[in-house]
Amino acid sequence: MFDISKGADRVTGGCGKREVLFRGSDVDELHELVSTRFAPHRLDVLRGPALDGRFECAYEGSVALYELGYGAEIGVTPAESLDFYTVNIPLAGHGVVTLDGKRLSSTLSIAGPGQEVSMRWSQQTLNRILIIQREVAEQAVAVRLGEPPDSPLAFDPVLDERADEVRVWLGLAGQFAEFVDSGMAARSPLALGHFEKLLVDGLLDVQPHGLSDAAGGRGAIVIPRAVSRARDFCADHAHEPISPADMARAAGISVQSLREGFRRHLSTTPLAYLRSVRLTRVRRDLVAVAEGQAQGNVTDVALRWGFTHLGRFTGYYREAYGETPAQTLRNAHISS
């Protein structure tokens, strides 16, 4: 059992090509290295033979890529919440990841600033770990929104490897490892920068997060302030009986200009955008009901967010999430 509550500052920029940081059985040394590179944590060797650890840095830059295995059954408990985004990509073995006290359905997962991750890994486990600094992710989002986000992105924690786009992104992470191993990263810094950006932007597009509707697929388009004001008005007043006219008034433009701004910069209409915001709130509340954190049923939640025609509401919800509201209640309850 080992505990580092005040580890050294996390190291970045330390390897431009694959570097073996650790191979061997010294638990103290491996624990300190992982704490320094990632975050302070407690490490428990639970079962199995003597530690046979492997910790490699494939690359460290605006993103970082590592491979880590312990060669024994171990448990990891955080000493503090994260201040970066980490994507865990299992290459071998199995384990359990718990995020903010909730066990995830897969170890193929992402966690971010303010969250606490604990893990248990089998002796055979080997993970590829992608680290994205908070400022790097926020800069990518700011390019899409026209302004920095008010808070860290809250990603859906589990990546669905059955989804074609997720499989493509995972392949991209594997290609990045091959790219830096080949020596091309050192010979072509410009290509390296493009690859890093592709990984970050790709993750923002394939993995749902709190700003997906506003930021997804927007590339380098800067959203005008008037459209941003209307979007913020939606977020603040979605529980009220507002209309596009109210949105235009809050943005200080005409309804016609509002419609044109939403069409050009968000590829939607003001009314459809407001509906998407409300559907996001509906899904959040349904999951809370399923987990026993709130009371109510599908009808209660739908009416709370202004959906009075339940048939149309169910159609909108299925189109947005690929399942009915009742299925969300059932599936969220099963996963919890």
C-alpha atoms as a PDB file:
ATOM      1  CA  MET A   1       0.000   0.000   0.000  1.00  0.00           C
ATOM      2  CA  PHE A   2       1.504   3.312  -1.050  1.00  0.00           C
ATOM      3  CA  ASP A   3       0.199   6.855  -0.822  1.00  0.00           C
ATOM      4  CA  ILE A   4       1.405  10.092  -2.406  1.00  0.00           C
ATOM      5  CA  SER A   5      -0.865  12.977  -1.462  1.00  0.00           C
ATOM      6  CA  LYS A   6       1.480  15.703  -2.666  1.00  0.00           C
ATOM      7  CA  GLY A   7       3.191  14.375  -5.743  1.00  0.00           C
ATOM      8  CA  ALA A   8       5.479  16.498  -7.873  1.00  0.00           C
ATOM      9  CA  ASP A   9       3.927  18.628 -10.624  1.00  0.00           C
ATOM     10  CA  ARG A  10       2.871  16.481 -13.550  1.00  0.00           C
ATOM     11  CA  VAL A  11       5.587  16.318 -16.201  1.00  0.00           C
ATOM     12  CA  THR A  12       4.810  17.324 -19.795  1.00  0.00           C
ATOM     13  CA  GLY A  13       7.095  17.826 -22.742  1.00  0.00           C
ATOM     14  CA  GLY A  14       9.361  15.079 -21.434  1.00  0.00           C
ATOM     15  CA  CYS A  15       9.446  12.707 -24.415  1.00  0.00           C
ATOM     16  CA  GLY A  16       9.248  13.379 -28.111  1.00  0.00           C
ATOM     17  CA  LYS A  17       9.548   9.688 -28.936  1.00  0.00           C
ATOM     18  CA  ARG A  18       8.809   6.438 -27.104  1.00  0.00           C
ATOM     19  CA  GLU A  19      10.680   6.211 -23.840  1.00  0.00           C
ATOM     20  CA  VAL A  20      10.645   3.392 -21.296  1.00  0.00           C
ATOM     21  CA  LEU A  21       9.975   5.120 -17.985  1.00  0.00           C
ATOM     22  CA  PHE A  22       9.849   1.933 -15.926  1.00  0.00           C
ATOM     23  CA  ARG A  23      10.284  -1.821 -16.218  1.00  0.00           C
ATOM     24  CA  GLY A  24      10.558  -3.971 -13.121  1.00  0.00           C
ATOM     25  CA  SER A  25       9.183  -4.807  -9.684  1.00  0.00           C
ATOM     26  CA  ASP A  26       9.895  -1.739  -7.521  1.00  0.00           C
ATOM     27  CA  VAL A  27       6.400  -0.674  -6.444  1.00  0.00           C
ATOM     28  CA  ASP A  28       7.577   2.559  -4.826  1.00  0.00           C
ATOM     29  CA  GLU A  29       9.377   3.705  -7.957  1.00  0.00           C
ATOM     30  CA  LEU A  30       6.508   2.913 -10.328  1.00  0.00           C
ATOM     31  CA  HIS A  31       3.977   4.547  -8.025  1.00  0.00           C
ATOM     32  CA  GLU A  32       5.998   7.731  -7.798  1.00  0.00           C
ATOM     33  CA  LEU A  33       6.495   7.879 -11.573  1.00  0.00           C
ATOM     34  CA  VAL A  34       2.796   7.413 -12.291  1.00  0.00           C
ATOM     35  CA  SER A  35       1.870   9.982  -9.634  1.00  0.00           C
ATOM     36  CA  THR A  36       4.289  12.477 -11.138  1.00  0.00           C
ATOM     37  CA  ARG A  37       3.138  11.939 -14.715  1.00  0.00           C
ATOM     38  CA  PHE A  38      -0.595  11.788 -13.933  1.00  0.00           C
ATOM     39  CA  ALA A  39      -1.893  12.708 -10.468  1.00  0.00           C
ATOM     40  CA  PRO A  40      -1.304  11.818  -6.800  1.00  0.00           C
ATOM     41  CA  HIS A  41      -3.015   8.550  -5.847  1.00  0.00           C
ATOM     42  CA  ARG A  42      -2.916   5.545  -3.573  1.00  0.00           C
ATOM     43  CA  LEU A  43      -1.723   2.243  -5.046  1.00  0.00           C
ATOM     44  CA  ASP A  44      -2.628  -1.124  -3.539  1.00  0.00           C
ATOM     45  CA  VAL A  45      -1.096  -4.369  -4.815  1.00  0.00           C
ATOM     46  CA  LEU A  46      -4.035  -6.710  -4.237  1.00  0.00           C
ATOM     47  CA  ARG A  47      -3.077 -10.131  -5.495  1.00  0.00           C
ATOM     48  CA  GLY A  48      -0.729 -12.041  -7.754  1.00  0.00           C
ATOM     49  CA  PRO A  49       3.001 -12.441  -8.174  1.00  0.00           C
ATOM     50  CA  ALA A  50       5.539  -9.755  -7.507  1.00  0.00           C
ATOM     51  CA  LEU A  51       4.953  -6.607  -9.513  1.00  0.00           C
ATOM     52  CA  ASP A  52       6.114  -6.803 -13.134  1.00  0.00           C
ATOM     53  CA  GLY A  53       5.371  -3.252 -14.188  1.00  0.00           C
ATOM     54  CA  ARG A  54       5.692  -1.537 -17.548  1.00  0.00           C
ATOM     55  CA  PHE A  55       5.311   2.235 -17.991  1.00  0.00           C
ATOM     56  CA  GLU A  56       6.174   3.833 -21.328  1.00  0.00           C
ATOM     57  CA  CYS A  57       5.812   7.350 -22.649  1.00  0.00           C
ATOM     58  CA  ALA A  58       5.042   7.320 -26.365  1.00  0.00           C
ATOM     59  CA  TYR A  59       4.774  11.101 -26.615  1.00  0.00           C
ATOM     60  CA  GLU A  60       4.275  14.228 -24.510  1.00  0.00           C
ATOM     61  CA  GLY A  61       3.136  17.505 -26.047  1.00  0.00           C
ATOM     62  CA  SER A  62      -0.215  19.308 -26.207  1.00  0.00           C
ATOM     63  CA  VAL A  63      -1.518  15.778 -25.820  1.00  0.00           C
ATOM     64  CA  ALA A  64       0.380  12.925 -24.198  1.00  0.00           C
ATOM     65  CA  LEU A  65       0.257   9.200 -24.887  1.00  0.00           C
ATOM     66  CA  TYR A  66       1.389   6.497 -22.461  1.00  0.00           C
ATOM     67  CA  GLU A  67       1.143   2.734 -22.034  1.00  0.00           C
ATOM     68  CA  LEU A  68       0.871   1.313 -18.521  1.00  0.00           C
ATOM     69  CA  GLY A  69       0.579  -2.160 -17.019  1.00  0.00           C
ATOM     70  CA  TYR A  70       1.376  -3.361 -13.516  1.00  0.00           C
ATOM     71  CA  GLY A  71       1.810  -7.116 -13.977  1.00  0.00           C
ATOM     72  CA  ALA A  72      -0.207  -7.725 -10.809  1.00  0.00           C
ATOM     73  CA  GLU A  73      -3.763  -7.161  -9.660  1.00  0.00           C
ATOM     74  CA  ILE A  74      -3.824  -3.616  -8.302  1.00  0.00           C
ATOM     75  CA  GLY A  75      -6.182  -0.941  -7.053  1.00  0.00           C
ATOM     76  CA  VAL A  76      -5.791   2.810  -7.583  1.00  0.00           C
ATOM     77  CA  THR A  77      -7.563   5.404  -5.433  1.00  0.00           C
ATOM     78  CA  PRO A  78      -7.213   9.148  -6.195  1.00  0.00           C
ATOM     79  CA  ALA A  79      -5.789  11.553  -3.659  1.00  0.00           C
ATOM     80  CA  GLU A  80      -7.466  14.483  -5.437  1.00  0.00           C
ATOM     81  CA  SER A  81      -9.685  15.213  -8.421  1.00  0.00           C
ATOM     82  CA  LEU A  82      -8.254  15.484 -11.935  1.00  0.00           C
ATOM     83  CA  ASP A  83      -7.146  18.720 -13.556  1.00  0.00           C
ATOM     84  CA  PHE A  84      -6.886  17.287 -17.094  1.00  0.00           C
ATOM     85  CA  TYR A  85      -8.783  14.961 -19.436  1.00  0.00           C
ATOM     86  CA  THR A  86      -7.731  11.322 -19.590  1.00  0.00           C
ATOM     87  CA  VAL A  87      -8.929   8.685 -22.038  1.00  0.00           C
ATOM     88  CA  ASN A  88      -8.312   5.091 -20.997  1.00  0.00           C
ATOM     89  CA  ILE A  89      -7.962   2.673 -23.938  1.00  0.00           C
ATOM     90  CA  PRO A  90      -7.599  -0.987 -22.862  1.00  0.00           C
ATOM     91  CA  LEU A  91      -5.136  -3.031 -24.923  1.00  0.00           C
ATOM     92  CA  ALA A  92      -5.162  -6.216 -22.826  1.00  0.00           C
ATOM     93  CA  GLY A  93      -6.610  -7.636 -19.636  1.00  0.00           C
ATOM     94  CA  HIS A  94      -9.648  -6.365 -17.794  1.00  0.00           C
ATOM     95  CA  GLY A  95     -10.624  -4.205 -14.861  1.00  0.00           C
ATOM     96  CA  VAL A  96     -13.149  -1.855 -13.270  1.00  0.00           C
ATOM     97  CA  VAL A  97     -13.254   1.942 -13.481  1.00  0.00           C
ATOM     98  CA  THR A  98     -15.277   3.982 -10.991  1.00  0.00           C
ATOM     99  CA  LEU A  99     -15.948   7.648 -11.742  1.00  0.00           C
ATOM    100  CA  ASP A 100     -17.154   9.920  -8.928  1.00  0.00           C
ATOM    101  CA  GLY A 101     -18.306   6.852  -7.013  1.00  0.00           C
ATOM    102  CA  LYS A 102     -20.208   5.210  -9.898  1.00  0.00           C
ATOM    103  CA  ARG A 103     -18.946   2.035 -11.542  1.00  0.00           C
ATOM    104  CA  LEU A 104     -18.703   2.416 -15.319  1.00  0.00           C
ATOM    105  CA  SER A 105     -19.949  -0.211 -17.746  1.00  0.00           C
ATOM    106  CA  SER A 106     -16.614  -0.268 -19.610  1.00  0.00           C
ATOM    107  CA  THR A 107     -12.976   0.569 -18.953  1.00  0.00           C
ATOM    108  CA  LEU A 108     -12.884   2.320 -22.358  1.00  0.00           C
ATOM    109  CA  SER A 109     -13.616   5.622 -20.706  1.00  0.00           C
ATOM    110  CA  ILE A 110     -12.914   9.323 -20.315  1.00  0.00           C
ATOM    111  CA  ALA A 111     -12.707  11.496 -17.222  1.00  0.00           C
ATOM    112  CA  GLY A 112     -12.025  15.192 -16.829  1.00  0.00           C
ATOM    113  CA  PRO A 113     -11.249  18.073 -14.476  1.00  0.00           C
ATOM    114  CA  GLY A 114     -13.006  17.962 -11.138  1.00  0.00           C
ATOM    115  CA  GLN A 115     -13.735  14.225 -11.339  1.00  0.00           C
ATOM    116  CA  GLU A 116     -12.300  11.414  -9.234  1.00  0.00           C
ATOM    117  CA  VAL A 117     -11.342   8.127 -10.861  1.00  0.00           C
ATOM    118  CA  SER A 118     -10.573   4.901  -9.020  1.00  0.00           C
ATOM    119  CA  MET A 119      -9.525   1.715 -10.810  1.00  0.00           C
ATOM    120  CA  ARG A 120      -8.882  -1.952 -10.296  1.00  0.00           C
ATOM    121  CA  TRP A 121      -6.809  -3.819 -12.893  1.00  0.00           C
ATOM    122  CA  SER A 122      -6.071  -7.487 -13.504  1.00  0.00           C
ATOM    123  CA  GLN A 123      -2.533  -8.853 -13.691  1.00  0.00           C
ATOM    124  CA  GLN A 124      -2.702  -9.005 -17.511  1.00  0.00           C
ATOM    125  CA  THR A 125      -3.987  -5.433 -17.994  1.00  0.00           C
ATOM    126  CA  LEU A 126      -2.192  -3.071 -20.353  1.00  0.00           C
ATOM    127  CA  ASN A 127      -3.752   0.330 -21.028  1.00  0.00           C
ATOM    128  CA  ARG A 128      -3.056   3.050 -23.561  1.00  0.00           C
ATOM    129  CA  ILE A 129      -3.689   6.391 -21.857  1.00  0.00           C
ATOM    130  CA  LEU A 130      -4.267   9.654 -23.713  1.00  0.00           C
ATOM    131  CA  ILE A 131      -3.875  12.832 -21.668  1.00  0.00           C
ATOM    132  CA  ILE A 132      -5.300  16.151 -22.902  1.00  0.00           C
ATOM    133  CA  GLN A 133      -4.514  19.242 -20.871  1.00  0.00           C
ATOM    134  CA  ARG A 134      -7.574  21.227 -19.809  1.00  0.00           C
ATOM    135  CA  GLU A 135      -6.411  24.380 -21.587  1.00  0.00           C
ATOM    136  CA  VAL A 136      -5.907  22.472 -24.850  1.00  0.00           C
ATOM    137  CA  ALA A 137      -9.475  21.127 -24.802  1.00  0.00           C
ATOM    138  CA  GLU A 138     -10.895  24.519 -23.828  1.00  0.00           C
ATOM    139  CA  GLN A 139      -9.020  26.272 -26.641  1.00  0.00           C
ATOM    140  CA  ALA A 140     -10.504  23.798 -29.133  1.00  0.00           C
ATOM    141  CA  VAL A 141     -13.993  24.459 -27.775  1.00  0.00           C
ATOM    142  CA  ALA A 142     -13.443  28.236 -27.755  1.00  0.00           C
ATOM    143  CA  VAL A 143     -12.652  28.149 -31.477  1.00  0.00           C
ATOM    144  CA  ARG A 144     -16.018  26.515 -32.067  1.00  0.00           C
ATOM    145  CA  LEU A 145     -18.062  28.676 -29.708  1.00  0.00           C
ATOM    146  CA  GLY A 146     -16.323  31.995 -30.219  1.00  0.00           C
ATOM    147  CA  GLU A 147     -15.571  32.197 -26.491  1.00  0.00           C
ATOM    148  CA  PRO A 148     -14.084  29.953 -23.773  1.00  0.00           C
ATOM    149  CA  PRO A 149     -16.485  27.574 -22.007  1.00  0.00           C
ATOM    150  CA  ASP A 150     -17.608  28.606 -18.535  1.00  0.00           C
ATOM    151  CA  SER A 151     -16.643  25.271 -16.978  1.00  0.00           C
ATOM    152  CA  PRO A 152     -14.808  22.039 -17.874  1.00  0.00           C
ATOM    153  CA  LEU A 153     -16.497  19.793 -20.412  1.00  0.00           C
ATOM    154  CA  ALA A 154     -18.494  16.958 -18.898  1.00  0.00           C
ATOM    155  CA  PHE A 155     -18.085  14.052 -21.331  1.00  0.00           C
ATOM    156  CA  ASP A 156     -20.267  10.974 -21.317  1.00  0.00           C
ATOM    157  CA  PRO A 157     -17.784   8.745 -19.445  1.00  0.00           C
ATOM    158  CA  VAL A 158     -17.987   5.558 -21.545  1.00  0.00           C
ATOM    159  CA  LEU A 159     -16.892   5.420 -25.189  1.00  0.00           C
ATOM    160  CA  ASP A 160     -19.085   3.071 -27.217  1.00  0.00           C
ATOM    161  CA  GLU A 161     -16.698   1.014 -29.334  1.00  0.00           C
ATOM    162  CA  ARG A 162     -19.682  -0.359 -31.269  1.00  0.00           C
ATOM    163  CA  ALA A 163     -20.119   3.077 -32.869  1.00  0.00           C
ATOM    164  CA  ASP A 164     -18.298   3.438 -36.183  1.00  0.00           C
ATOM    165  CA  GLU A 165     -17.037   6.945 -35.408  1.00  0.00           C
ATOM    166  CA  VAL A 166     -15.616   5.847 -32.044  1.00  0.00           C
ATOM    167  CA  ARG A 167     -13.796   2.918 -33.679  1.00  0.00           C
ATOM    168  CA  VAL A 168     -12.315   5.309 -36.241  1.00  0.00           C
ATOM    169  CA  TRP A 169     -11.141   7.651 -33.478  1.00  0.00           C
ATOM    170  CA  LEU A 170      -9.587   4.746 -31.556  1.00  0.00           C
ATOM    171  CA  GLY A 171      -7.810   3.752 -34.744  1.00  0.00           C
ATOM    172  CA  LEU A 172      -6.538   7.311 -35.003  1.00  0.00           C
ATOM    173  CA  ALA A 173      -5.073   7.069 -31.485  1.00  0.00           C
ATOM    174  CA  GLY A 174      -3.320   3.854 -32.515  1.00  0.00           C
ATOM    175  CA  GLN A 175      -2.013   5.505 -35.686  1.00  0.00           C
ATOM    176  CA  PHE A 176      -0.696   8.379 -33.587  1.00  0.00           C
ATOM    177  CA  ALA A 177       1.342   5.905 -31.526  1.00  0.00           C
ATOM    178  CA  GLU A 178       2.727   4.425 -34.751  1.00  0.00           C
ATOM    179  CA  PHE A 179       3.419   7.910 -36.110  1.00  0.00           C
ATOM    180  CA  VAL A 180       5.568   8.965 -33.148  1.00  0.00           C
ATOM    181  CA  ASP A 181       7.290   5.568 -33.015  1.00  0.00           C
ATOM    182  CA  SER A 182       8.244   5.855 -36.683  1.00  0.00           C
ATOM    183  CA  GLY A 183      10.318   8.983 -36.107  1.00  0.00           C
ATOM    184  CA  MET A 184       8.049  11.088 -38.321  1.00  0.00           C
ATOM    185  CA  ALA A 185       7.010  13.239 -35.360  1.00  0.00           C
ATOM    186  CA  ALA A 186      10.577  14.525 -34.936  1.00  0.00           C
ATOM    187  CA  ARG A 187      11.037  15.066 -38.687  1.00  0.00           C
ATOM    188  CA  SER A 188       7.706  16.809 -39.289  1.00  0.00           C
ATOM    189  CA  PRO A 189       6.595  19.065 -36.422  1.00  0.00           C
ATOM    190  CA  LEU A 190       3.850  20.539 -38.597  1.00  0.00           C
ATOM    191  CA  ALA A 191       2.335  17.106 -39.257  1.00  0.00           C
ATOM    192  CA  LEU A 192       2.667  16.348 -35.542  1.00  0.00           C
ATOM    193  CA  GLY A 193       0.698  19.474 -34.665  1.00  0.00           C
ATOM    194  CA  HIS A 194      -2.037  18.532 -37.125  1.00  0.00           C
ATOM    195  CA  PHE A 195      -2.189  15.021 -35.644  1.00  0.00           C
ATOM    196  CA  GLU A 196      -2.555  16.371 -32.098  1.00  0.00           C
ATOM    197  CA  LYS A 197      -5.332  18.722 -33.198  1.00  0.00           C
ATOM    198  CA  LEU A 198      -7.063  15.896 -35.062  1.00  0.00           C
ATOM    199  CA  LEU A 199      -7.123  13.782 -31.911  1.00  0.00           C
ATOM    200  CA  VAL A 200      -8.623  16.579 -29.787  1.00  0.00           C
ATOM    201  CA  ASP A 201     -11.156  17.795 -32.354  1.00  0.00           C
ATOM    202  CA  GLY A 202     -12.098  14.238 -33.223  1.00  0.00           C
ATOM    203  CA  LEU A 203     -12.797  13.407 -29.577  1.00  0.00           C
ATOM    204  CA  LEU A 204     -14.978  16.507 -29.243  1.00  0.00           C
ATOM    205  CA  ASP A 205     -16.994  15.367 -32.252  1.00  0.00           C
ATOM    206  CA  VAL A 206     -17.391  11.632 -31.542  1.00  0.00           C
ATOM    207  CA  GLN A 207     -17.888  11.610 -27.758  1.00  0.00           C
ATOM    208  CA  PRO A 208     -20.988  13.396 -26.391  1.00  0.00           C
ATOM    209  CA  HIS A 209     -20.381  16.178 -23.887  1.00  0.00           C
ATOM    210  CA  GLY A 210     -22.255  19.076 -22.348  1.00  0.00           C
ATOM    211  CA  LEU A 211     -21.585  21.417 -25.287  1.00  0.00           C
ATOM    212  CA  SER A 212     -22.024  18.899 -28.101  1.00  0.00           C
ATOM    213  CA  ASP A 213     -25.082  20.622 -29.557  1.00  0.00           C
ATOM    214  CA  ALA A 214     -23.404  24.021 -29.632  1.00  0.00           C
ATOM    215  CA  ALA A 215     -19.845  22.977 -30.485  1.00  0.00           C
ATOM    216  CA  GLY A 216     -20.085  19.713 -32.390  1.00  0.00           C
ATOM    217  CA  GLY A 217     -18.701  19.777 -35.906  1.00  0.00           C
ATOM    218  CA  ARG A 218     -18.370  23.537 -36.022  1.00  0.00           C
ATOM    219  CA  GLY A 219     -14.701  23.420 -36.988  1.00  0.00           C
ATOM    220  CA  ALA A 220     -13.074  26.843 -36.982  1.00  0.00           C
ATOM    221  CA  ILE A 221     -16.288  28.822 -37.434  1.00  0.00           C
ATOM    222  CA  VAL A 222     -16.552  31.647 -34.906  1.00  0.00           C
ATOM    223  CA  ILE A 223     -20.106  32.175 -33.672  1.00  0.00           C
ATOM    224  CA  PRO A 224     -21.170  35.848 -33.574  1.00  0.00           C
ATOM    225  CA  ARG A 225     -21.864  37.331 -30.173  1.00  0.00           C
ATOM    226  CA  ALA A 226     -25.569  37.817 -30.955  1.00  0.00           C
ATOM    227  CA  VAL A 227     -26.009  34.106 -31.662  1.00  0.00           C
ATOM    228  CA  SER A 228     -24.010  33.278 -28.524  1.00  0.00           C
ATOM    229  CA  ARG A 229     -26.267  35.555 -26.468  1.00  0.00           C
ATOM    230  CA  ALA A 230     -29.362  33.839 -27.870  1.00  0.00           C
ATOM    231  CA  ARG A 231     -27.841  30.431 -27.135  1.00  0.00           C
ATOM    232  CA  ASP A 232     -27.028  31.452 -23.562  1.00  0.00           C
ATOM    233  CA  PHE A 233     -30.578  32.789 -23.147  1.00  0.00           C
ATOM    234  CA  CYS A 234     -31.872  29.350 -24.125  1.00  0.00           C
ATOM    235  CA  ALA A 235     -29.671  27.669 -21.532  1.00  0.00           C
ATOM    236  CA  ASP A 236     -30.789  30.038 -18.768  1.00  0.00           C
ATOM    237  CA  HIS A 237     -34.518  30.083 -19.603  1.00  0.00           C
ATOM    238  CA  ALA A 238     -35.214  26.658 -21.114  1.00  0.00           C
ATOM    239  CA  HIS A 239     -37.611  25.923 -18.253  1.00  0.00           C
ATOM    240  CA  GLU A 240     -39.740  28.942 -19.189  1.00  0.00           C
ATOM    241  CA  PRO A 241     -42.274  29.323 -22.057  1.00  0.00           C
ATOM    242  CA  ILE A 242     -39.867  31.292 -24.268  1.00  0.00           C
ATOM    243  CA  SER A 243     -40.074  31.700 -28.045  1.00  0.00           C
ATOM    244  CA  PRO A 244     -37.720  32.703 -30.887  1.00  0.00           C
ATOM    245  CA  ALA A 245     -38.990  36.254 -30.441  1.00  0.00           C
ATOM    246  CA  ASP A 246     -37.776  36.208 -26.818  1.00  0.00           C
ATOM    247  CA  MET A 247     -34.437  34.822 -27.964  1.00  0.00           C
ATOM    248  CA  ALA A 248     -34.071  37.555 -30.591  1.00  0.00           C
ATOM    249  CA  ARG A 249     -34.943  40.233 -28.039  1.00  0.00           C
ATOM    250  CA  ALA A 250     -32.311  38.895 -25.627  1.00  0.00           C
ATOM    251  CA  ALA A 251     -29.730  38.854 -28.454  1.00  0.00           C
ATOM    252  CA  GLY A 252     -30.612  42.386 -29.575  1.00  0.00           C
ATOM    253  CA  ILE A 253     -31.442  41.421 -33.163  1.00  0.00           C
ATOM    254  CA  SER A 254     -34.522  40.782 -35.280  1.00  0.00           C
ATOM    255  CA  VAL A 255     -36.164  37.361 -35.467  1.00  0.00           C
ATOM    256  CA  GLN A 256     -35.155  37.130 -39.135  1.00  0.00           C
ATOM    257  CA  SER A 257     -31.507  37.857 -38.279  1.00  0.00           C
ATOM    258  CA  LEU A 258     -31.676  35.311 -35.462  1.00  0.00           C
ATOM    259  CA  ARG A 259     -32.957  32.626 -37.822  1.00  0.00           C
ATOM    260  CA  GLU A 260     -30.258  33.412 -40.352  1.00  0.00           C
ATOM    261  CA  GLY A 261     -27.551  33.370 -37.664  1.00  0.00           C
ATOM    262  CA  PHE A 262     -28.653  30.001 -36.324  1.00  0.00           C
ATOM    263  CA  ARG A 263     -28.908  28.561 -39.836  1.00  0.00           C
ATOM    264  CA  ARG A 264     -25.470  29.793 -40.874  1.00  0.00           C
ATOM    265  CA  HIS A 265     -23.493  29.162 -37.705  1.00  0.00           C
ATOM    266  CA  LEU A 266     -25.326  26.318 -35.922  1.00  0.00           C
ATOM    267  CA  SER A 267     -26.987  24.588 -38.901  1.00  0.00           C
ATOM    268  CA  THR A 268     -30.361  24.627 -37.141  1.00  0.00           C
ATOM    269  CA  THR A 269     -33.294  26.877 -36.317  1.00  0.00           C
ATOM    270  CA  PRO A 270     -33.817  28.774 -33.044  1.00  0.00           C
ATOM    271  CA  LEU A 271     -36.820  26.623 -32.204  1.00  0.00           C
ATOM    272  CA  ALA A 272     -34.985  23.356 -32.945  1.00  0.00           C
ATOM    273  CA  TYR A 273     -32.017  24.527 -30.870  1.00  0.00           C
ATOM    274  CA  LEU A 274     -34.274  25.365 -27.922  1.00  0.00           C
ATOM    275  CA  ARG A 275     -35.871  21.940 -28.253  1.00  0.00           C
ATOM    276  CA  SER A 276     -32.432  20.261 -28.205  1.00  0.00           C
ATOM    277  CA  VAL A 277     -31.514  22.124 -25.007  1.00  0.00           C
ATOM    278  CA  ARG A 278     -34.748  20.986 -23.379  1.00  0.00           C
ATOM    279  CA  LEU A 279     -34.223  17.393 -24.532  1.00  0.00           C
ATOM    280  CA  THR A 280     -30.765  17.441 -22.938  1.00  0.00           C
ATOM    281  CA  ARG A 281     -32.344  18.557 -19.648  1.00  0.00           C
ATOM    282  CA  VAL A 282     -35.019  15.864 -19.992  1.00  0.00           C
ATOM    283  CA  ARG A 283     -32.379  13.155 -20.416  1.00  0.00           C
ATOM    284  CA  ARG A 284     -30.437  14.435 -17.415  1.00  0.00           C
ATOM    285  CA  ASP A 285     -33.592  14.367 -15.251  1.00  0.00           C
ATOM    286  CA  LEU A 286     -34.622  10.898 -16.453  1.00  0.00           C
ATOM    287  CA  VAL A 287     -31.208   9.505 -15.501  1.00  0.00           C
ATOM    288  CA  ALA A 288     -31.521  11.182 -12.093  1.00  0.00           C
ATOM    289  CA  VAL A 289     -34.928   9.514 -11.578  1.00  0.00           C
ATOM    290  CA  ALA A 290     -33.527   6.133 -12.626  1.00  0.00           C
ATOM    291  CA  GLU A 291     -30.650   6.469 -10.176  1.00  0.00           C
ATOM    292  CA  GLY A 292     -32.995   7.368  -7.310  1.00  0.00           C
ATOM    293  CA  GLN A 293     -31.728  10.955  -7.098  1.00  0.00           C
ATOM    294  CA  ALA A 294     -35.090  12.475  -8.122  1.00  0.00           C
ATOM    295  CA  GLN A 295     -38.776  11.608  -8.178  1.00  0.00           C
ATOM    296  CA  GLY A 296     -41.177  11.405 -11.103  1.00  0.00           C
ATOM    297  CA  ASN A 297     -41.858   9.622 -14.372  1.00  0.00           C
ATOM    298  CA  VAL A 298     -41.542  10.301 -18.096  1.00  0.00           C
ATOM    299  CA  THR A 299     -44.679  12.433 -18.227  1.00  0.00           C
ATOM    300  CA  ASP A 300     -43.629  14.540 -15.231  1.00  0.00           C
ATOM    301  CA  VAL A 301     -40.218  15.251 -16.735  1.00  0.00           C
ATOM    302  CA  ALA A 302     -41.589  15.973 -20.217  1.00  0.00           C
ATOM    303  CA  LEU A 303     -44.138  18.476 -18.911  1.00  0.00           C
ATOM    304  CA  ARG A 304     -41.494  20.119 -16.708  1.00  0.00           C
ATOM    305  CA  TRP A 305     -39.522  21.000 -19.829  1.00  0.00           C
ATOM    306  CA  GLY A 306     -42.460  22.184 -21.906  1.00  0.00           C
ATOM    307  CA  PHE A 307     -43.294  19.043 -23.924  1.00  0.00           C
ATOM    308  CA  THR A 308     -47.090  18.834 -23.725  1.00  0.00           C
ATOM    309  CA  HIS A 309     -47.645  16.529 -26.722  1.00  0.00           C
ATOM    310  CA  LEU A 310     -46.170  13.253 -25.492  1.00  0.00           C
ATOM    311  CA  GLY A 311     -46.263  11.514 -28.875  1.00  0.00           C
ATOM    312  CA  ARG A 312     -44.236  14.212 -30.601  1.00  0.00           C
ATOM    313  CA  PHE A 313     -41.952  14.418 -27.554  1.00  0.00           C
ATOM    314  CA  THR A 314     -41.183  10.695 -27.766  1.00  0.00           C
ATOM    315  CA  GLY A 315     -40.382  11.060 -31.472  1.00  0.00           C
ATOM    316  CA  TYR A 316     -38.027  13.982 -30.875  1.00  0.00           C
ATOM    317  CA  TYR A 317     -36.329  12.105 -28.030  1.00  0.00           C
ATOM    318  CA  ARG A 318     -35.857   8.916 -30.040  1.00  0.00           C
ATOM    319  CA  GLU A 319     -34.405  10.899 -32.935  1.00  0.00           C
ATOM    320  CA  ALA A 320     -31.930  12.634 -30.601  1.00  0.00           C
ATOM    321  CA  TYR A 321     -30.840   9.641 -28.487  1.00  0.00           C
ATOM    322  CA  GLY A 322     -31.763   6.491 -30.401  1.00  0.00           C
ATOM    323  CA  GLU A 323     -34.082   5.238 -27.666  1.00  0.00           C
ATOM    324  CA  THR A 324     -37.381   6.187 -26.058  1.00  0.00           C
ATOM    325  CA  PRO A 325     -37.584   8.086 -22.750  1.00  0.00           C
ATOM    326  CA  ALA A 326     -38.884   4.921 -21.077  1.00  0.00           C
ATOM    327  CA  GLN A 327     -35.839   3.008 -22.340  1.00  0.00           C
ATOM    328  CA  THR A 328     -33.541   5.669 -20.880  1.00  0.00           C
ATOM    329  CA  LEU A 329     -35.207   5.170 -17.499  1.00  0.00           C
ATOM    330  CA  ARG A 330     -34.809   1.413 -17.772  1.00  0.00           C
ATOM    331  CA  ASN A 331     -31.236   1.374 -19.131  1.00  0.00           C
ATOM    332  CA  ALA A 332     -29.928   3.999 -16.701  1.00  0.00           C
ATOM    333  CA  HIS A 333     -31.440   2.027 -13.813  1.00  0.00           C
ATOM    334  CA  ILE A 334     -29.759  -1.192 -15.006  1.00  0.00           C
ATOM    335  CA  SER A 335     -26.315   0.470 -15.436  1.00  0.00           C
ATOM    336  CA  SER A 336     -26.478   2.063 -12.005  1.00  0.00           C
END
